[in-house]
Amino acid sequence: MDNKIVRRQKIRYRIRKKVAGTASKPRLSVFRSNAETYIQLINDETGFTLAAASTRDKDIAAQKGTKSEKAKLAGQAIARKALELGITACVFDRGGNLYHGRVKAVADGAREGGLNF
């Protein structure tokens, strides 16, 4: 198996040991593929996804801009959905990626939208 994938998986496991979401403070999980960015608010006690957003959503995919700009819009979208559910706080799970680029853009967008973490 590819060394980079194995290394990232180990980092993910290490993060997940420390970071867990509850109903009142869910985990904001970021998955970054080569082309898209996917975000979920997860309650780890029950194993349910409370809300999700991605750069593939129709309103975001229609926008012009870089992948980072679209990731920021997705972050704002997840914040809107969270506030509709009455969630104002969450814990951030960068998914083994560096806090840089698209992952940072998601976090900035979510903070601008009103989420605290």
C-alpha atoms as a PDB file:
ATOM      1  CA  MET A   1       0.000   0.000   0.000  1.00  0.00           C
ATOM      2  CA  ASP A   2       1.051   3.587  -0.614  1.00  0.00           C
ATOM      3  CA  ASN A   3       3.141   5.027   2.242  1.00  0.00           C
ATOM      4  CA  LYS A   4       1.392   8.415   2.135  1.00  0.00           C
ATOM      5  CA  ILE A   5      -2.027   6.782   2.571  1.00  0.00           C
ATOM      6  CA  VAL A   6      -0.803   4.643   5.491  1.00  0.00           C
ATOM      7  CA  ARG A   7       0.767   7.677   7.174  1.00  0.00           C
ATOM      8  CA  ARG A   8      -2.422   9.733   6.786  1.00  0.00           C
ATOM      9  CA  GLN A   9      -4.513   6.856   8.158  1.00  0.00           C
ATOM     10  CA  LYS A  10      -2.295   6.674  11.267  1.00  0.00           C
ATOM     11  CA  ILE A  11      -2.692  10.432  11.765  1.00  0.00           C
ATOM     12  CA  ARG A  12      -6.502  10.064  11.401  1.00  0.00           C
ATOM     13  CA  TYR A  13      -6.593   7.342  14.068  1.00  0.00           C
ATOM     14  CA  ARG A  14      -4.469   9.484  16.400  1.00  0.00           C
ATOM     15  CA  ILE A  15      -6.820  12.464  15.947  1.00  0.00           C
ATOM     16  CA  ARG A  16      -9.939  10.322  16.413  1.00  0.00           C
ATOM     17  CA  LYS A  17      -8.640   9.016  19.767  1.00  0.00           C
ATOM     18  CA  LYS A  18      -8.850  12.583  21.098  1.00  0.00           C
ATOM     19  CA  VAL A  19     -11.748  14.049  19.087  1.00  0.00           C
ATOM     20  CA  ALA A  20     -15.309  12.780  19.507  1.00  0.00           C
ATOM     21  CA  GLY A  21     -18.608  14.477  18.767  1.00  0.00           C
ATOM     22  CA  THR A  22     -21.725  14.586  20.934  1.00  0.00           C
ATOM     23  CA  ALA A  23     -25.293  15.678  20.167  1.00  0.00           C
ATOM     24  CA  SER A  24     -24.675  19.181  21.553  1.00  0.00           C
ATOM     25  CA  LYS A  25     -21.106  19.468  20.210  1.00  0.00           C
ATOM     26  CA  PRO A  26     -20.754  17.289  17.091  1.00  0.00           C
ATOM     27  CA  ARG A  27     -17.564  16.530  15.185  1.00  0.00           C
ATOM     28  CA  LEU A  28     -17.018  18.599  12.036  1.00  0.00           C
ATOM     29  CA  SER A  29     -15.310  16.065   9.783  1.00  0.00           C
ATOM     30  CA  VAL A  30     -13.539  17.188   6.597  1.00  0.00           C
ATOM     31  CA  PHE A  31     -12.738  14.802   3.734  1.00  0.00           C
ATOM     32  CA  ARG A  32     -10.679  16.168   0.881  1.00  0.00           C
ATOM     33  CA  SER A  33     -10.476  14.304  -2.428  1.00  0.00           C
ATOM     34  CA  ASN A  34      -8.467  15.551  -5.388  1.00  0.00           C
ATOM     35  CA  ALA A  35     -11.438  17.378  -6.902  1.00  0.00           C
ATOM     36  CA  GLU A  36     -13.976  17.924  -4.121  1.00  0.00           C
ATOM     37  CA  THR A  37     -14.316  18.664  -0.396  1.00  0.00           C
ATOM     38  CA  TYR A  38     -16.925  16.942   1.786  1.00  0.00           C
ATOM     39  CA  ILE A  39     -17.974  18.081   5.281  1.00  0.00           C
ATOM     40  CA  GLN A  40     -20.127  16.314   7.870  1.00  0.00           C
ATOM     41  CA  LEU A  41     -21.391  17.105  11.352  1.00  0.00           C
ATOM     42  CA  ILE A  42     -21.300  13.758  13.182  1.00  0.00           C
ATOM     43  CA  ASN A  43     -22.688  12.654  16.548  1.00  0.00           C
ATOM     44  CA  ASP A  44     -20.264   9.875  17.523  1.00  0.00           C
ATOM     45  CA  GLU A  45     -22.399   8.694  20.460  1.00  0.00           C
ATOM     46  CA  THR A  46     -25.098   7.450  18.087  1.00  0.00           C
ATOM     47  CA  GLY A  47     -23.020   7.257  14.899  1.00  0.00           C
ATOM     48  CA  PHE A  48     -25.359   9.545  12.940  1.00  0.00           C
ATOM     49  CA  THR A  49     -24.552  12.354  10.535  1.00  0.00           C
ATOM     50  CA  LEU A  50     -26.536  15.420  11.606  1.00  0.00           C
ATOM     51  CA  ALA A  51     -25.747  17.587   8.565  1.00  0.00           C
ATOM     52  CA  ALA A  52     -23.552  17.413   5.481  1.00  0.00           C
ATOM     53  CA  ALA A  53     -22.288  19.751   2.778  1.00  0.00           C
ATOM     54  CA  SER A  54     -19.834  19.475  -0.069  1.00  0.00           C
ATOM     55  CA  THR A  55     -18.435  21.387  -3.003  1.00  0.00           C
ATOM     56  CA  ARG A  56     -20.667  19.169  -5.194  1.00  0.00           C
ATOM     57  CA  ASP A  57     -23.846  20.837  -3.890  1.00  0.00           C
ATOM     58  CA  LYS A  58     -25.644  22.545  -6.790  1.00  0.00           C
ATOM     59  CA  ASP A  59     -25.379  26.120  -5.488  1.00  0.00           C
ATOM     60  CA  ILE A  60     -21.654  25.746  -4.691  1.00  0.00           C
ATOM     61  CA  ALA A  61     -20.694  23.790  -7.842  1.00  0.00           C
ATOM     62  CA  ALA A  62     -22.307  26.499  -9.979  1.00  0.00           C
ATOM     63  CA  GLN A  63     -19.942  29.137  -8.537  1.00  0.00           C
ATOM     64  CA  LYS A  64     -16.783  30.164 -10.323  1.00  0.00           C
ATOM     65  CA  GLY A  65     -13.564  30.097  -8.309  1.00  0.00           C
ATOM     66  CA  THR A  66     -10.769  27.969  -6.948  1.00  0.00           C
ATOM     67  CA  LYS A  67     -11.235  24.779  -4.940  1.00  0.00           C
ATOM     68  CA  SER A  68     -10.332  26.694  -1.771  1.00  0.00           C
ATOM     69  CA  GLU A  69     -12.977  29.352  -2.442  1.00  0.00           C
ATOM     70  CA  LYS A  70     -15.599  26.633  -2.995  1.00  0.00           C
ATOM     71  CA  ALA A  71     -14.467  24.875   0.216  1.00  0.00           C
ATOM     72  CA  LYS A  72     -15.059  28.123   2.111  1.00  0.00           C
ATOM     73  CA  LEU A  73     -18.603  28.308   0.666  1.00  0.00           C
ATOM     74  CA  ALA A  74     -19.177  24.693   1.770  1.00  0.00           C
ATOM     75  CA  GLY A  75     -18.000  25.651   5.277  1.00  0.00           C
ATOM     76  CA  GLN A  76     -20.523  28.489   5.344  1.00  0.00           C
ATOM     77  CA  ALA A  77     -23.248  26.100   4.112  1.00  0.00           C
ATOM     78  CA  ILE A  78     -22.573  23.571   6.910  1.00  0.00           C
ATOM     79  CA  ALA A  79     -22.658  26.427   9.446  1.00  0.00           C
ATOM     80  CA  ARG A  80     -26.079  27.513   8.152  1.00  0.00           C
ATOM     81  CA  LYS A  81     -27.399  23.945   8.419  1.00  0.00           C
ATOM     82  CA  ALA A  82     -25.952  23.588  11.927  1.00  0.00           C
ATOM     83  CA  LEU A  83     -27.563  26.813  13.131  1.00  0.00           C
ATOM     84  CA  GLU A  84     -30.920  25.622  11.738  1.00  0.00           C
ATOM     85  CA  LEU A  85     -30.493  22.497  13.916  1.00  0.00           C
ATOM     86  CA  GLY A  86     -29.641  24.687  16.920  1.00  0.00           C
ATOM     87  CA  ILE A  87     -25.946  23.717  16.974  1.00  0.00           C
ATOM     88  CA  THR A  88     -23.497  26.548  17.678  1.00  0.00           C
ATOM     89  CA  ALA A  89     -20.388  24.621  18.787  1.00  0.00           C
ATOM     90  CA  CYS A  90     -18.474  21.699  17.298  1.00  0.00           C
ATOM     91  CA  VAL A  91     -15.076  20.005  17.407  1.00  0.00           C
ATOM     92  CA  PHE A  92     -12.958  20.174  14.237  1.00  0.00           C
ATOM     93  CA  ASP A  93     -11.599  16.964  12.668  1.00  0.00           C
ATOM     94  CA  ARG A  94      -9.167  17.727   9.859  1.00  0.00           C
ATOM     95  CA  GLY A  95      -9.152  14.071   8.780  1.00  0.00           C
ATOM     96  CA  GLY A  96      -5.388  13.617   8.773  1.00  0.00           C
ATOM     97  CA  ASN A  97      -4.834  16.536   6.386  1.00  0.00           C
ATOM     98  CA  LEU A  98      -2.694  19.531   7.241  1.00  0.00           C
ATOM     99  CA  TYR A  99      -4.603  22.571   8.539  1.00  0.00           C
ATOM    100  CA  HIS A 100      -3.848  24.466   5.350  1.00  0.00           C
ATOM    101  CA  GLY A 101      -5.488  25.285   2.040  1.00  0.00           C
ATOM    102  CA  ARG A 102      -8.942  23.764   1.566  1.00  0.00           C
ATOM    103  CA  VAL A 103      -9.145  22.381   5.139  1.00  0.00           C
ATOM    104  CA  LYS A 104      -8.382  25.835   6.557  1.00  0.00           C
ATOM    105  CA  ALA A 105     -10.861  27.407   4.116  1.00  0.00           C
ATOM    106  CA  VAL A 106     -13.619  25.093   5.412  1.00  0.00           C
ATOM    107  CA  ALA A 107     -12.811  26.078   9.007  1.00  0.00           C
ATOM    108  CA  ASP A 108     -12.777  29.806   8.145  1.00  0.00           C
ATOM    109  CA  GLY A 109     -16.091  29.525   6.292  1.00  0.00           C
ATOM    110  CA  ALA A 110     -17.722  27.642   9.185  1.00  0.00           C
ATOM    111  CA  ARG A 111     -16.485  30.240  11.694  1.00  0.00           C
ATOM    112  CA  GLU A 112     -17.807  33.083   9.520  1.00  0.00           C
ATOM    113  CA  GLY A 113     -21.147  31.241   9.368  1.00  0.00           C
ATOM    114  CA  GLY A 114     -21.376  31.248  13.171  1.00  0.00           C
ATOM    115  CA  LEU A 115     -19.932  27.907  14.340  1.00  0.00           C
ATOM    116  CA  ASN A 116     -17.556  27.954  17.315  1.00  0.00           C
ATOM    117  CA  PHE A 117     -14.635  25.543  17.645  1.00  0.00           C
END
